[in-house]
Amino acid sequence: MKQTIVSAALALFLLCPAQARPDLDSIIEKFEPYAEKSRQEWGTPGMAICLVVGDQMVYSKGFGVRELGGKDPVTPETVFQVGSISKSF
């Protein structure tokens, strides 16, 4: 249920004209706990998320750590080695 609410809120934000958009802070407040919970459930050591609207970055944040068992946190500037998975992008 939470997943649906957060996904709908993000879709609403991205699809609405700028003057009709809901407050980004209220969406992020719901999204961040969902992202962290999902990271933990999937067993992912760390991830970075960026939200771009039009040609402007409106949000970026790192979650977790850079490597399994490590202590260095992921930041929006963390470089990930994606290898062959980039072919699917």
N, C-alpha and C. Protein backbone atom coordinates (compact mmCIF):
# COMPACT_ATOMS: atom_id res chain seq x y z
N MET A 1 0.82 -1.19 0.00
CA MET A 1 0.00 0.00 0.00
C MET A 1 0.87 1.26 0.00
N LYS A 2 1.89 1.29 0.91
CA LYS A 2 2.79 2.44 0.94
C LYS A 2 3.46 2.63 -0.41
N GLN A 3 3.85 1.51 -1.01
CA GLN A 3 4.52 1.56 -2.29
C GLN A 3 3.65 2.28 -3.32
N THR A 4 2.38 1.96 -3.35
CA THR A 4 1.45 2.56 -4.29
C THR A 4 1.30 4.05 -4.04
N ILE A 5 1.19 4.44 -2.77
CA ILE A 5 1.03 5.85 -2.42
C ILE A 5 2.26 6.64 -2.84
N VAL A 6 3.44 6.13 -2.51
CA VAL A 6 4.68 6.84 -2.85
C VAL A 6 4.84 6.92 -4.36
N SER A 7 4.60 5.83 -5.06
CA SER A 7 4.72 5.82 -6.52
C SER A 7 3.74 6.80 -7.15
N ALA A 8 2.52 6.83 -6.65
CA ALA A 8 1.52 7.76 -7.18
C ALA A 8 1.92 9.20 -6.91
N ALA A 9 2.46 9.47 -5.74
CA ALA A 9 2.89 10.83 -5.40
C ALA A 9 4.02 11.29 -6.31
N LEU A 10 4.99 10.41 -6.56
CA LEU A 10 6.10 10.76 -7.45
C LEU A 10 5.61 10.98 -8.88
N ALA A 11 4.71 10.13 -9.33
CA ALA A 11 4.15 10.28 -10.68
C ALA A 11 3.39 11.60 -10.79
N LEU A 12 2.62 11.93 -9.78
CA LEU A 12 1.88 13.19 -9.76
C LEU A 12 2.83 14.37 -9.86
N PHE A 13 3.90 14.32 -9.09
CA PHE A 13 4.88 15.40 -9.11
C PHE A 13 5.50 15.56 -10.49
N LEU A 14 5.87 14.45 -11.10
CA LEU A 14 6.57 14.51 -12.38
C LEU A 14 5.66 14.89 -13.54
N LEU A 15 4.39 14.51 -13.47
CA LEU A 15 3.49 14.72 -14.59
C LEU A 15 2.71 16.03 -14.53
N CYS A 16 2.62 16.65 -13.38
CA CYS A 16 1.86 17.90 -13.24
C CYS A 16 2.68 19.08 -13.73
N PRO A 17 1.99 20.10 -14.24
CA PRO A 17 2.70 21.35 -14.54
C PRO A 17 3.29 21.91 -13.26
N ALA A 18 4.37 22.66 -13.37
CA ALA A 18 5.09 23.15 -12.19
C ALA A 18 4.20 23.88 -11.21
N GLN A 19 3.28 24.72 -11.68
CA GLN A 19 2.44 25.48 -10.77
C GLN A 19 1.42 24.62 -10.04
N ALA A 20 1.15 23.41 -10.51
CA ALA A 20 0.15 22.55 -9.87
C ALA A 20 0.78 21.42 -9.06
N ARG A 21 2.12 21.38 -8.98
CA ARG A 21 2.80 20.28 -8.31
C ARG A 21 2.61 20.31 -6.81
N PRO A 22 2.49 19.10 -6.22
CA PRO A 22 2.47 19.04 -4.75
C PRO A 22 3.86 19.40 -4.21
N ASP A 23 3.94 19.69 -2.96
CA ASP A 23 5.19 20.07 -2.31
C ASP A 23 6.19 18.92 -2.36
N LEU A 24 7.36 19.16 -2.94
CA LEU A 24 8.39 18.13 -3.07
C LEU A 24 8.81 17.60 -1.71
N ASP A 25 8.92 18.47 -0.72
CA ASP A 25 9.33 18.03 0.62
C ASP A 25 8.40 16.98 1.19
N SER A 26 7.10 17.13 0.98
CA SER A 26 6.15 16.15 1.52
C SER A 26 6.26 14.81 0.79
N ILE A 27 6.59 14.85 -0.49
CA ILE A 27 6.77 13.60 -1.24
C ILE A 27 8.04 12.91 -0.77
N ILE A 28 9.13 13.66 -0.65
CA ILE A 28 10.41 13.10 -0.23
C ILE A 28 10.31 12.53 1.18
N GLU A 29 9.56 13.18 2.04
CA GLU A 29 9.38 12.71 3.41
C GLU A 29 8.81 11.28 3.43
N LYS A 30 7.97 10.96 2.47
CA LYS A 30 7.40 9.61 2.37
C LYS A 30 8.30 8.67 1.58
N PHE A 31 9.02 9.24 0.60
CA PHE A 31 9.83 8.42 -0.28
C PHE A 31 11.09 7.88 0.39
N GLU A 32 11.79 8.70 1.17
CA GLU A 32 13.06 8.28 1.75
C GLU A 32 12.94 7.03 2.63
N PRO A 33 11.95 6.94 3.54
CA PRO A 33 11.83 5.69 4.32
C PRO A 33 11.53 4.48 3.43
N TYR A 34 10.74 4.69 2.37
CA TYR A 34 10.44 3.61 1.43
C TYR A 34 11.71 3.14 0.72
N ALA A 35 12.53 4.10 0.27
CA ALA A 35 13.77 3.76 -0.43
C ALA A 35 14.72 3.00 0.48
N GLU A 36 14.87 3.46 1.72
CA GLU A 36 15.77 2.79 2.67
C GLU A 36 15.26 1.39 3.00
N LYS A 37 13.97 1.25 3.22
CA LYS A 37 13.39 -0.06 3.52
C LYS A 37 13.61 -1.02 2.34
N SER A 38 13.40 -0.53 1.13
CA SER A 38 13.60 -1.36 -0.07
C SER A 38 15.05 -1.77 -0.21
N ARG A 39 15.98 -0.85 0.06
CA ARG A 39 17.41 -1.17 -0.02
C ARG A 39 17.75 -2.30 0.92
N GLN A 40 17.24 -2.22 2.14
CA GLN A 40 17.52 -3.25 3.13
C GLN A 40 16.87 -4.59 2.75
N GLU A 41 15.63 -4.55 2.28
CA GLU A 41 14.93 -5.79 1.89
C GLU A 41 15.63 -6.50 0.74
N TRP A 42 16.20 -5.76 -0.19
CA TRP A 42 16.88 -6.34 -1.33
C TRP A 42 18.32 -6.73 -1.00
N GLY A 43 18.80 -6.35 0.18
CA GLY A 43 20.17 -6.69 0.58
C GLY A 43 21.21 -5.90 -0.17
N THR A 44 20.86 -4.70 -0.60
CA THR A 44 21.78 -3.84 -1.34
C THR A 44 22.60 -3.03 -0.35
N PRO A 45 23.94 -3.08 -0.43
CA PRO A 45 24.75 -2.31 0.52
C PRO A 45 24.49 -0.81 0.43
N GLY A 46 24.38 -0.29 -0.79
CA GLY A 46 24.17 1.14 -0.93
C GLY A 46 23.62 1.50 -2.30
N MET A 47 23.01 2.68 -2.37
CA MET A 47 22.46 3.16 -3.63
C MET A 47 22.36 4.68 -3.57
N ALA A 48 22.32 5.29 -4.73
CA ALA A 48 22.11 6.73 -4.83
C ALA A 48 20.89 6.95 -5.71
N ILE A 49 20.08 7.91 -5.34
CA ILE A 49 18.86 8.21 -6.09
C ILE A 49 18.88 9.69 -6.46
N CYS A 50 18.50 9.96 -7.69
CA CYS A 50 18.43 11.32 -8.20
C CYS A 50 17.09 11.49 -8.89
N LEU A 51 16.43 12.61 -8.65
CA LEU A 51 15.16 12.93 -9.29
C LEU A 51 15.37 14.16 -10.16
N VAL A 52 15.08 14.00 -11.45
CA VAL A 52 15.25 15.09 -12.41
C VAL A 52 13.88 15.44 -12.97
N VAL A 53 13.56 16.72 -12.97
CA VAL A 53 12.33 17.22 -13.55
C VAL A 53 12.71 18.18 -14.67
N GLY A 54 12.31 17.83 -15.87
CA GLY A 54 12.73 18.63 -17.02
C GLY A 54 14.23 18.53 -17.17
N ASP A 55 14.92 19.64 -17.08
CA ASP A 55 16.38 19.62 -17.17
C ASP A 55 17.02 20.02 -15.85
N GLN A 56 16.26 19.90 -14.76
CA GLN A 56 16.77 20.33 -13.46
C GLN A 56 16.73 19.18 -12.44
N MET A 57 17.87 18.97 -11.75
CA MET A 57 17.91 17.99 -10.68
C MET A 57 17.24 18.62 -9.45
N VAL A 58 16.20 17.95 -8.94
CA VAL A 58 15.47 18.50 -7.80
C VAL A 58 15.74 17.74 -6.51
N TYR A 59 16.40 16.56 -6.62
CA TYR A 59 16.66 15.76 -5.43
C TYR A 59 17.78 14.79 -5.73
N SER A 60 18.68 14.61 -4.77
CA SER A 60 19.67 13.54 -4.85
C SER A 60 20.09 13.18 -3.43
N LYS A 61 20.26 11.88 -3.20
CA LYS A 61 20.64 11.42 -1.87
C LYS A 61 21.24 10.01 -1.98
N GLY A 62 22.20 9.73 -1.12
CA GLY A 62 22.78 8.40 -1.02
C GLY A 62 22.19 7.66 0.16
N PHE A 63 22.08 6.36 0.03
CA PHE A 63 21.56 5.49 1.08
C PHE A 63 22.54 4.34 1.29
N GLY A 64 22.80 3.96 2.51
CA GLY A 64 23.65 2.82 2.81
C GLY A 64 25.13 3.11 2.68
N VAL A 65 25.90 2.05 2.45
CA VAL A 65 27.36 2.14 2.40
C VAL A 65 27.88 1.74 1.01
N ARG A 66 29.12 2.16 0.72
CA ARG A 66 29.70 1.94 -0.61
C ARG A 66 30.00 0.49 -0.93
N GLU A 67 30.35 -0.29 0.09
CA GLU A 67 30.63 -1.71 -0.16
C GLU A 67 30.19 -2.53 1.04
N LEU A 68 29.82 -3.76 0.76
CA LEU A 68 29.35 -4.67 1.79
C LEU A 68 30.37 -4.78 2.90
N GLY A 69 29.96 -4.54 4.13
CA GLY A 69 30.85 -4.60 5.28
C GLY A 69 31.63 -3.33 5.51
N GLY A 70 31.50 -2.36 4.60
CA GLY A 70 32.24 -1.11 4.73
C GLY A 70 31.51 -0.10 5.60
N LYS A 71 32.19 1.02 5.83
CA LYS A 71 31.60 2.08 6.65
C LYS A 71 31.44 3.38 5.88
N ASP A 72 32.06 3.48 4.69
CA ASP A 72 31.96 4.71 3.91
C ASP A 72 30.56 4.84 3.33
N PRO A 73 29.88 5.93 3.64
CA PRO A 73 28.50 6.08 3.16
C PRO A 73 28.43 6.40 1.67
N VAL A 74 27.32 6.01 1.05
CA VAL A 74 27.05 6.41 -0.33
C VAL A 74 26.57 7.86 -0.29
N THR A 75 27.09 8.64 -1.21
CA THR A 75 26.65 10.03 -1.37
C THR A 75 26.15 10.20 -2.80
N PRO A 76 25.53 11.32 -3.12
CA PRO A 76 25.12 11.54 -4.51
C PRO A 76 26.30 11.56 -5.48
N GLU A 77 27.51 11.77 -4.99
CA GLU A 77 28.70 11.81 -5.84
C GLU A 77 29.40 10.46 -5.96
N THR A 78 28.94 9.44 -5.26
CA THR A 78 29.57 8.12 -5.32
C THR A 78 29.53 7.57 -6.74
N VAL A 79 30.66 7.07 -7.20
CA VAL A 79 30.74 6.47 -8.53
C VAL A 79 30.58 4.96 -8.36
N PHE A 80 29.60 4.41 -9.06
CA PHE A 80 29.35 2.97 -9.01
C PHE A 80 29.90 2.31 -10.27
N GLN A 81 30.52 1.15 -10.12
CA GLN A 81 30.96 0.39 -11.28
C GLN A 81 29.81 -0.53 -11.67
N VAL A 82 29.20 -0.23 -12.80
CA VAL A 82 28.03 -1.00 -13.22
C VAL A 82 28.34 -2.08 -14.22
N GLY A 83 29.52 -2.06 -14.83
CA GLY A 83 29.91 -3.11 -15.76
C GLY A 83 28.91 -3.31 -16.87
N SER A 84 28.62 -4.55 -17.19
CA SER A 84 27.76 -4.88 -18.34
C SER A 84 26.30 -4.54 -18.10
N ILE A 85 25.92 -4.25 -16.89
CA ILE A 85 24.51 -3.94 -16.64
C ILE A 85 24.10 -2.66 -17.35
N SER A 86 25.06 -1.80 -17.69
CA SER A 86 24.73 -0.55 -18.36
C SER A 86 24.13 -0.78 -19.76
N LYS A 87 24.32 -1.95 -20.31
CA LYS A 87 23.73 -2.27 -21.62
C LYS A 87 22.20 -2.23 -21.56
N SER A 88 21.64 -2.54 -20.41
CA SER A 88 20.18 -2.53 -20.30
C SER A 88 19.62 -1.13 -20.16
N PHE A 89 20.48 -0.16 -19.93
CA PHE A 89 20.02 1.24 -19.85
C PHE A 89 19.90 1.79 -21.25
